[in-house]
């Protein structure tokens, strides 16, 4: 005599399915923002490294050209802002945005119009456009190089993704460098004018220069952009 045992497959109830979907939804809600921020941080880091390398290469090429001595760069500040006009020669297809002083308007893209604003690292304060008004160079990939030549000091600020792409903040997508006797150094370096990285690269502080020294951190700290999105972004 044989015995046959019938097995029954147990199906999930509607309640169990809904609970499972709810758990998946909670996990997704918790992880997706982190994944998005990691993607953004990776993209910004890549853009920063590319723009920094490109500007440094142009600076080296200009320094190797004996027609203009590096020690004379800060003094190339006639009414036509000679330095930036010399510097643009060392980029492939660099776009000359021209020169306009604070309050003026530059209408040609991809240039920074000057009658609008970048913001500091905390996002609360407007960056004085006089930091960016002594010439601009637009690069093919959308990067902007902006110049300030004041009383023998020469600063270059790099908008790594262009003004048309937010957030347009010092220390996030705008970074400042200074021409020194030791070359083009990131602001925040001990040999630059503003070298207190803790004071001028702190998202918790409201200062008109907050973010100006973040270039030094971005160059030296491989986790700078990751930490930026993890800790700084609201």
C-alpha atoms as a PDB file:
ATOM      1  CA  UNK A   1       0.000   0.000   0.000  1.00  0.00           C
ATOM      2  CA  UNK A   2       1.470   3.355  -0.996  1.00  0.00           C
ATOM      3  CA  UNK A   3       0.858   6.610   0.621  1.00  0.00           C
ATOM      4  CA  UNK A   4       0.759   9.863  -1.332  1.00  0.00           C
ATOM      5  CA  UNK A   5       1.362  13.050   0.506  1.00  0.00           C
ATOM      6  CA  UNK A   6       0.053  16.141  -1.128  1.00  0.00           C
ATOM      7  CA  UNK A   7       2.155  19.206  -0.481  1.00  0.00           C
ATOM      8  CA  UNK A   8       0.680  22.636  -0.658  1.00  0.00           C
ATOM      9  CA  UNK A   9       2.717  25.692  -1.636  1.00  0.00           C
ATOM     10  CA  UNK A  10       2.162  28.571   0.695  1.00  0.00           C
ATOM     11  CA  UNK A  11       1.537  31.904  -1.039  1.00  0.00           C
ATOM     12  CA  UNK A  12       2.390  35.301   0.414  1.00  0.00           C
ATOM     13  CA  UNK A  13      -0.541  37.157   1.820  1.00  0.00           C
ATOM     14  CA  UNK A  14      -1.316  40.701   0.680  1.00  0.00           C
ATOM     15  CA  UNK A  15      -0.280  42.022   4.074  1.00  0.00           C
ATOM     16  CA  UNK A  16       3.129  40.350   3.811  1.00  0.00           C
ATOM     17  CA  UNK A  17       3.681  41.756   0.331  1.00  0.00           C
ATOM     18  CA  UNK A  18       2.774  45.244   1.489  1.00  0.00           C
ATOM     19  CA  UNK A  19       5.101  44.999   4.490  1.00  0.00           C
ATOM     20  CA  UNK A  20       7.963  43.826   2.263  1.00  0.00           C
ATOM     21  CA  UNK A  21       7.377  46.663  -0.194  1.00  0.00           C
ATOM     22  CA  UNK A  22       7.267  49.098   2.702  1.00  0.00           C
ATOM     23  CA  UNK A  23      10.636  47.885   3.999  1.00  0.00           C
ATOM     24  CA  UNK A  24      12.153  48.148   0.511  1.00  0.00           C
ATOM     25  CA  UNK A  25      10.771  51.675   0.226  1.00  0.00           C
ATOM     26  CA  UNK A  26      12.282  52.736   3.541  1.00  0.00           C
ATOM     27  CA  UNK A  27      15.685  51.282   2.621  1.00  0.00           C
ATOM     28  CA  UNK A  28      15.565  52.991  -0.780  1.00  0.00           C
ATOM     29  CA  UNK A  29      14.580  56.320   0.785  1.00  0.00           C
ATOM     30  CA  UNK A  30      17.552  56.072   3.123  1.00  0.00           C
ATOM     31  CA  UNK A  31      20.142  54.956   0.564  1.00  0.00           C
ATOM     32  CA  UNK A  32      19.222  56.788  -2.659  1.00  0.00           C
ATOM     33  CA  UNK A  33      20.089  60.301  -1.386  1.00  0.00           C
ATOM     34  CA  UNK A  34      23.473  58.997  -0.257  1.00  0.00           C
ATOM     35  CA  UNK A  35      24.073  57.391  -3.644  1.00  0.00           C
ATOM     36  CA  UNK A  36      23.078  60.587  -5.440  1.00  0.00           C
ATOM     37  CA  UNK A  37      25.429  62.651  -3.267  1.00  0.00           C
ATOM     38  CA  UNK A  38      28.273  60.208  -3.926  1.00  0.00           C
ATOM     39  CA  UNK A  39      27.702  60.560  -7.666  1.00  0.00           C
ATOM     40  CA  UNK A  40      27.676  64.354  -7.368  1.00  0.00           C
ATOM     41  CA  UNK A  41      30.817  64.347  -5.237  1.00  0.00           C
ATOM     42  CA  UNK A  42      32.634  62.068  -7.686  1.00  0.00           C
ATOM     43  CA  UNK A  43      31.647  64.294 -10.606  1.00  0.00           C
ATOM     44  CA  UNK A  44      32.801  67.479  -8.841  1.00  0.00           C
ATOM     45  CA  UNK A  45      36.099  65.870  -7.873  1.00  0.00           C
ATOM     46  CA  UNK A  46      36.698  64.800 -11.468  1.00  0.00           C
ATOM     47  CA  UNK A  47      35.851  68.271 -12.764  1.00  0.00           C
ATOM     48  CA  UNK A  48      38.104  69.899 -10.188  1.00  0.00           C
ATOM     49  CA  UNK A  49      41.076  67.656 -10.973  1.00  0.00           C
ATOM     50  CA  UNK A  50      40.657  68.201 -14.713  1.00  0.00           C
ATOM     51  CA  UNK A  51      40.303  71.982 -14.454  1.00  0.00           C
ATOM     52  CA  UNK A  52      43.178  72.266 -11.984  1.00  0.00           C
ATOM     53  CA  UNK A  53      45.487  70.205 -14.209  1.00  0.00           C
ATOM     54  CA  UNK A  54      44.541  72.191 -17.301  1.00  0.00           C
ATOM     55  CA  UNK A  55      45.154  75.568 -15.678  1.00  0.00           C
ATOM     56  CA  UNK A  56      48.434  74.386 -14.127  1.00  0.00           C
ATOM     57  CA  UNK A  57      49.602  73.136 -17.524  1.00  0.00           C
ATOM     58  CA  UNK A  58      48.789  76.482 -19.158  1.00  0.00           C
ATOM     59  CA  UNK A  59      50.620  78.269 -16.346  1.00  0.00           C
ATOM     60  CA  UNK A  60      53.701  76.065 -16.807  1.00  0.00           C
ATOM     61  CA  UNK A  61      53.678  76.626 -20.561  1.00  0.00           C
ATOM     62  CA  UNK A  62      53.497  80.370 -20.013  1.00  0.00           C
ATOM     63  CA  UNK A  63      56.314  80.210 -17.455  1.00  0.00           C
ATOM     64  CA  UNK A  64      58.449  78.281 -19.954  1.00  0.00           C
ATOM     65  CA  UNK A  65      57.942  81.032 -22.507  1.00  0.00           C
ATOM     66  CA  UNK A  66      60.775  83.449 -21.813  1.00  0.00           C
ATOM     67  CA  UNK A  67      58.898  86.417 -23.279  1.00  0.00           C
ATOM     68  CA  UNK A  68      57.130  86.970 -19.946  1.00  0.00           C
ATOM     69  CA  UNK A  69      58.870  86.271 -16.638  1.00  0.00           C
ATOM     70  CA  UNK A  70      56.663  84.723 -13.902  1.00  0.00           C
ATOM     71  CA  UNK A  71      57.847  87.351 -11.452  1.00  0.00           C
ATOM     72  CA  UNK A  72      56.228  89.964 -13.698  1.00  0.00           C
ATOM     73  CA  UNK A  73      52.797  88.340 -13.845  1.00  0.00           C
ATOM     74  CA  UNK A  74      51.191  90.360 -11.010  1.00  0.00           C
ATOM     75  CA  UNK A  75      52.412  93.562 -12.638  1.00  0.00           C
ATOM     76  CA  UNK A  76      50.798  92.789 -15.991  1.00  0.00           C
ATOM     77  CA  UNK A  77      47.879  94.949 -15.003  1.00  0.00           C
ATOM     78  CA  UNK A  78      47.460  97.735 -17.492  1.00  0.00           C
ATOM     79  CA  UNK A  79      44.060  99.042 -18.495  1.00  0.00           C
ATOM     80  CA  UNK A  80      43.680  96.055 -20.823  1.00  0.00           C
ATOM     81  CA  UNK A  81      44.456  93.497 -18.062  1.00  0.00           C
ATOM     82  CA  UNK A  82      47.480  92.091 -19.853  1.00  0.00           C
ATOM     83  CA  UNK A  83      47.948  88.934 -17.795  1.00  0.00           C
ATOM     84  CA  UNK A  84      44.722  87.228 -18.711  1.00  0.00           C
ATOM     85  CA  UNK A  85      45.230  88.198 -22.358  1.00  0.00           C
ATOM     86  CA  UNK A  86      48.638  86.516 -22.273  1.00  0.00           C
ATOM     87  CA  UNK A  87      47.338  83.503 -20.355  1.00  0.00           C
ATOM     88  CA  UNK A  88      44.538  82.744 -22.817  1.00  0.00           C
ATOM     89  CA  UNK A  89      47.120  81.965 -25.504  1.00  0.00           C
ATOM     90  CA  UNK A  90      47.996  78.715 -23.714  1.00  0.00           C
ATOM     91  CA  UNK A  91      44.539  77.148 -23.976  1.00  0.00           C
ATOM     92  CA  UNK A  92      43.126  75.366 -26.976  1.00  0.00           C
ATOM     93  CA  UNK A  93      40.072  77.310 -28.142  1.00  0.00           C
ATOM     94  CA  UNK A  94      39.862  79.478 -25.023  1.00  0.00           C
ATOM     95  CA  UNK A  95      37.002  81.982 -25.245  1.00  0.00           C
ATOM     96  CA  UNK A  96      37.803  85.589 -24.289  1.00  0.00           C
ATOM     97  CA  UNK A  97      34.922  86.818 -22.150  1.00  0.00           C
ATOM     98  CA  UNK A  98      36.423  90.276 -21.828  1.00  0.00           C
ATOM     99  CA  UNK A  99      36.832  92.555 -18.824  1.00  0.00           C
ATOM    100  CA  UNK A 100      34.079  94.246 -16.862  1.00  0.00           C
ATOM    101  CA  UNK A 101      34.177  95.805 -13.427  1.00  0.00           C
ATOM    102  CA  UNK A 102      31.766  95.172 -10.563  1.00  0.00           C
ATOM    103  CA  UNK A 103      28.189  96.048 -11.437  1.00  0.00           C
ATOM    104  CA  UNK A 104      28.765  95.699 -15.166  1.00  0.00           C
ATOM    105  CA  UNK A 105      27.084  93.051 -17.248  1.00  0.00           C
ATOM    106  CA  UNK A 106      28.678  90.502 -19.566  1.00  0.00           C
ATOM    107  CA  UNK A 107      26.035  88.972 -21.799  1.00  0.00           C
ATOM    108  CA  UNK A 108      28.042  86.496 -23.866  1.00  0.00           C
ATOM    109  CA  UNK A 109      27.906  82.867 -22.755  1.00  0.00           C
ATOM    110  CA  UNK A 110      29.490  80.936 -21.081  1.00  0.00           C
ATOM    111  CA  UNK A 111      30.819  83.909 -19.164  1.00  0.00           C
ATOM    112  CA  UNK A 112      29.951  85.059 -15.662  1.00  0.00           C
ATOM    113  CA  UNK A 113      27.717  88.134 -16.094  1.00  0.00           C
ATOM    114  CA  UNK A 114      28.967  89.955 -12.928  1.00  0.00           C
ATOM    115  CA  UNK A 115      25.540  91.444 -12.212  1.00  0.00           C
ATOM    116  CA  UNK A 116      24.649  88.092 -10.647  1.00  0.00           C
ATOM    117  CA  UNK A 117      26.294  86.397  -7.723  1.00  0.00           C
ATOM    118  CA  UNK A 118      28.395  83.525  -6.546  1.00  0.00           C
ATOM    119  CA  UNK A 119      27.855  82.625  -2.910  1.00  0.00           C
ATOM    120  CA  UNK A 120      30.110  81.709  -0.036  1.00  0.00           C
ATOM    121  CA  UNK A 121      30.516  78.152   1.260  1.00  0.00           C
ATOM    122  CA  UNK A 122      27.638  78.481   3.731  1.00  0.00           C
ATOM    123  CA  UNK A 123      25.412  79.696   0.881  1.00  0.00           C
ATOM    124  CA  UNK A 124      24.268  82.774   2.773  1.00  0.00           C
ATOM    125  CA  UNK A 125      26.592  85.543   1.614  1.00  0.00           C
ATOM    126  CA  UNK A 126      27.258  86.994  -1.811  1.00  0.00           C
ATOM    127  CA  UNK A 127      30.830  86.834  -3.104  1.00  0.00           C
ATOM    128  CA  UNK A 128      32.037  90.299  -4.065  1.00  0.00           C
ATOM    129  CA  UNK A 129      32.281  90.253  -7.865  1.00  0.00           C
ATOM    130  CA  UNK A 130      35.411  92.435  -7.691  1.00  0.00           C
ATOM    131  CA  UNK A 131      37.230  89.141  -7.019  1.00  0.00           C
ATOM    132  CA  UNK A 132      36.329  88.015 -10.522  1.00  0.00           C
ATOM    133  CA  UNK A 133      36.274  91.085 -12.745  1.00  0.00           C
ATOM    134  CA  UNK A 134      39.763  91.403 -14.275  1.00  0.00           C
ATOM    135  CA  UNK A 135      39.161  89.116 -17.226  1.00  0.00           C
ATOM    136  CA  UNK A 136      37.556  85.747 -17.863  1.00  0.00           C
ATOM    137  CA  UNK A 137      38.432  82.779 -20.042  1.00  0.00           C
ATOM    138  CA  UNK A 138      35.801  80.243 -21.031  1.00  0.00           C
ATOM    139  CA  UNK A 139      37.085  76.759 -21.871  1.00  0.00           C
ATOM    140  CA  UNK A 140      35.556  74.227 -24.243  1.00  0.00           C
ATOM    141  CA  UNK A 141      34.238  71.992 -21.463  1.00  0.00           C
ATOM    142  CA  UNK A 142      32.391  74.876 -19.773  1.00  0.00           C
ATOM    143  CA  UNK A 143      35.069  75.656 -17.185  1.00  0.00           C
ATOM    144  CA  UNK A 144      35.544  79.361 -16.439  1.00  0.00           C
ATOM    145  CA  UNK A 145      38.818  80.925 -15.330  1.00  0.00           C
ATOM    146  CA  UNK A 146      38.302  84.302 -13.656  1.00  0.00           C
ATOM    147  CA  UNK A 147      41.009  86.793 -12.698  1.00  0.00           C
ATOM    148  CA  UNK A 148      41.672  89.438 -10.090  1.00  0.00           C
ATOM    149  CA  UNK A 149      44.795  91.573 -10.223  1.00  0.00           C
ATOM    150  CA  UNK A 150      44.986  93.974  -7.287  1.00  0.00           C
ATOM    151  CA  UNK A 151      47.946  95.891  -5.881  1.00  0.00           C
ATOM    152  CA  UNK A 152      50.531  93.424  -7.104  1.00  0.00           C
ATOM    153  CA  UNK A 153      48.500  90.355  -6.166  1.00  0.00           C
ATOM    154  CA  UNK A 154      47.193  88.024  -8.842  1.00  0.00           C
ATOM    155  CA  UNK A 155      44.426  85.537  -8.153  1.00  0.00           C
ATOM    156  CA  UNK A 156      42.764  83.012 -10.453  1.00  0.00           C
ATOM    157  CA  UNK A 157      39.389  81.523  -9.603  1.00  0.00           C
ATOM    158  CA  UNK A 158      38.165  78.440 -11.432  1.00  0.00           C
ATOM    159  CA  UNK A 159      34.472  77.669 -11.828  1.00  0.00           C
ATOM    160  CA  UNK A 160      34.854  73.972 -12.549  1.00  0.00           C
ATOM    161  CA  UNK A 161      31.409  73.491 -14.124  1.00  0.00           C
ATOM    162  CA  UNK A 162      30.610  76.986 -15.427  1.00  0.00           C
ATOM    163  CA  UNK A 163      28.301  79.679 -14.087  1.00  0.00           C
ATOM    164  CA  UNK A 164      25.281  78.197 -15.863  1.00  0.00           C
ATOM    165  CA  UNK A 165      25.523  75.133 -13.603  1.00  0.00           C
ATOM    166  CA  UNK A 166      24.766  75.508  -9.882  1.00  0.00           C
ATOM    167  CA  UNK A 167      25.476  75.702  -7.040  1.00  0.00           C
ATOM    168  CA  UNK A 168      27.967  78.509  -7.841  1.00  0.00           C
ATOM    169  CA  UNK A 169      29.558  78.473  -4.399  1.00  0.00           C
ATOM    170  CA  UNK A 170      33.083  79.106  -3.215  1.00  0.00           C
ATOM    171  CA  UNK A 171      34.501  75.799  -2.069  1.00  0.00           C
ATOM    172  CA  UNK A 172      31.948  73.700  -3.960  1.00  0.00           C
ATOM    173  CA  UNK A 173      32.393  74.514  -7.645  1.00  0.00           C
ATOM    174  CA  UNK A 174      34.420  77.751  -7.432  1.00  0.00           C
ATOM    175  CA  UNK A 175      38.052  77.579  -6.259  1.00  0.00           C
ATOM    176  CA  UNK A 176      40.686  80.308  -5.963  1.00  0.00           C
ATOM    177  CA  UNK A 177      44.425  80.108  -6.623  1.00  0.00           C
ATOM    178  CA  UNK A 178      47.223  82.665  -6.283  1.00  0.00           C
ATOM    179  CA  UNK A 179      50.255  83.389  -8.423  1.00  0.00           C
ATOM    180  CA  UNK A 180      53.315  83.329  -6.144  1.00  0.00           C
ATOM    181  CA  UNK A 181      57.089  83.117  -6.517  1.00  0.00           C
ATOM    182  CA  UNK A 182      56.619  79.353  -6.107  1.00  0.00           C
ATOM    183  CA  UNK A 183      54.101  79.064  -8.909  1.00  0.00           C
ATOM    184  CA  UNK A 184      50.322  78.861  -8.981  1.00  0.00           C
ATOM    185  CA  UNK A 185      49.270  77.749  -5.493  1.00  0.00           C
ATOM    186  CA  UNK A 186      45.819  76.916  -4.121  1.00  0.00           C
ATOM    187  CA  UNK A 187      44.508  79.596  -1.815  1.00  0.00           C
ATOM    188  CA  UNK A 188      44.871  78.303   1.712  1.00  0.00           C
ATOM    189  CA  UNK A 189      48.495  77.319   1.146  1.00  0.00           C
ATOM    190  CA  UNK A 190      50.834  78.841   3.735  1.00  0.00           C
ATOM    191  CA  UNK A 191      52.408  81.031   1.024  1.00  0.00           C
ATOM    192  CA  UNK A 192      49.147  82.607  -0.153  1.00  0.00           C
ATOM    193  CA  UNK A 193      47.415  85.743   1.087  1.00  0.00           C
ATOM    194  CA  UNK A 194      44.576  83.896   2.799  1.00  0.00           C
ATOM    195  CA  UNK A 195      46.025  80.792   4.427  1.00  0.00           C
ATOM    196  CA  UNK A 196      43.728  80.034   7.352  1.00  0.00           C
ATOM    197  CA  UNK A 197      41.826  77.095   5.891  1.00  0.00           C
ATOM    198  CA  UNK A 198      39.824  76.511   9.069  1.00  0.00           C
ATOM    199  CA  UNK A 199      38.608  80.105   9.180  1.00  0.00           C
ATOM    200  CA  UNK A 200      37.849  80.521   5.487  1.00  0.00           C
ATOM    201  CA  UNK A 201      36.665  77.016   4.584  1.00  0.00           C
ATOM    202  CA  UNK A 202      34.023  76.289   7.189  1.00  0.00           C
ATOM    203  CA  UNK A 203      30.378  75.796   6.139  1.00  0.00           C
ATOM    204  CA  UNK A 204      29.159  76.737   9.608  1.00  0.00           C
ATOM    205  CA  UNK A 205      30.547  80.273   9.409  1.00  0.00           C
ATOM    206  CA  UNK A 206      29.067  83.317   7.721  1.00  0.00           C
ATOM    207  CA  UNK A 207      31.972  85.304   6.324  1.00  0.00           C
ATOM    208  CA  UNK A 208      32.274  87.194   3.052  1.00  0.00           C
ATOM    209  CA  UNK A 209      35.414  85.154   2.255  1.00  0.00           C
ATOM    210  CA  UNK A 210      34.121  81.784   3.445  1.00  0.00           C
ATOM    211  CA  UNK A 211      35.257  79.251   0.858  1.00  0.00           C
ATOM    212  CA  UNK A 212      38.213  81.168  -0.526  1.00  0.00           C
ATOM    213  CA  UNK A 213      40.766  78.788   1.035  1.00  0.00           C
ATOM    214  CA  UNK A 214      38.972  75.547   0.139  1.00  0.00           C
ATOM    215  CA  UNK A 215      41.191  75.044  -2.906  1.00  0.00           C
ATOM    216  CA  UNK A 216      44.019  73.906  -0.627  1.00  0.00           C
ATOM    217  CA  UNK A 217      41.782  71.298   0.998  1.00  0.00           C
ATOM    218  CA  UNK A 218      40.417  70.134  -2.355  1.00  0.00           C
ATOM    219  CA  UNK A 219      43.967  69.615  -3.649  1.00  0.00           C
ATOM    220  CA  UNK A 220      45.300  67.794  -0.590  1.00  0.00           C
ATOM    221  CA  UNK A 221      42.315  65.877   0.797  1.00  0.00           C
ATOM    222  CA  UNK A 222      41.134  63.017  -1.480  1.00  0.00           C
ATOM    223  CA  UNK A 223      37.862  62.879   0.461  1.00  0.00           C
ATOM    224  CA  UNK A 224      37.153  66.604   0.300  1.00  0.00           C
ATOM    225  CA  UNK A 225      34.199  66.415  -2.086  1.00  0.00           C
ATOM    226  CA  UNK A 226      32.756  63.322  -0.454  1.00  0.00           C
ATOM    227  CA  UNK A 227      32.856  65.017   2.941  1.00  0.00           C
ATOM    228  CA  UNK A 228      31.475  68.170   1.370  1.00  0.00           C
ATOM    229  CA  UNK A 229      28.249  66.430   0.412  1.00  0.00           C
ATOM    230  CA  UNK A 230      28.114  64.325   3.541  1.00  0.00           C
ATOM    231  CA  UNK A 231      28.635  67.110   6.030  1.00  0.00           C
ATOM    232  CA  UNK A 232      28.139  70.450   4.344  1.00  0.00           C
ATOM    233  CA  UNK A 233      25.155  70.143   2.021  1.00  0.00           C
ATOM    234  CA  UNK A 234      21.713  70.920   3.392  1.00  0.00           C
END
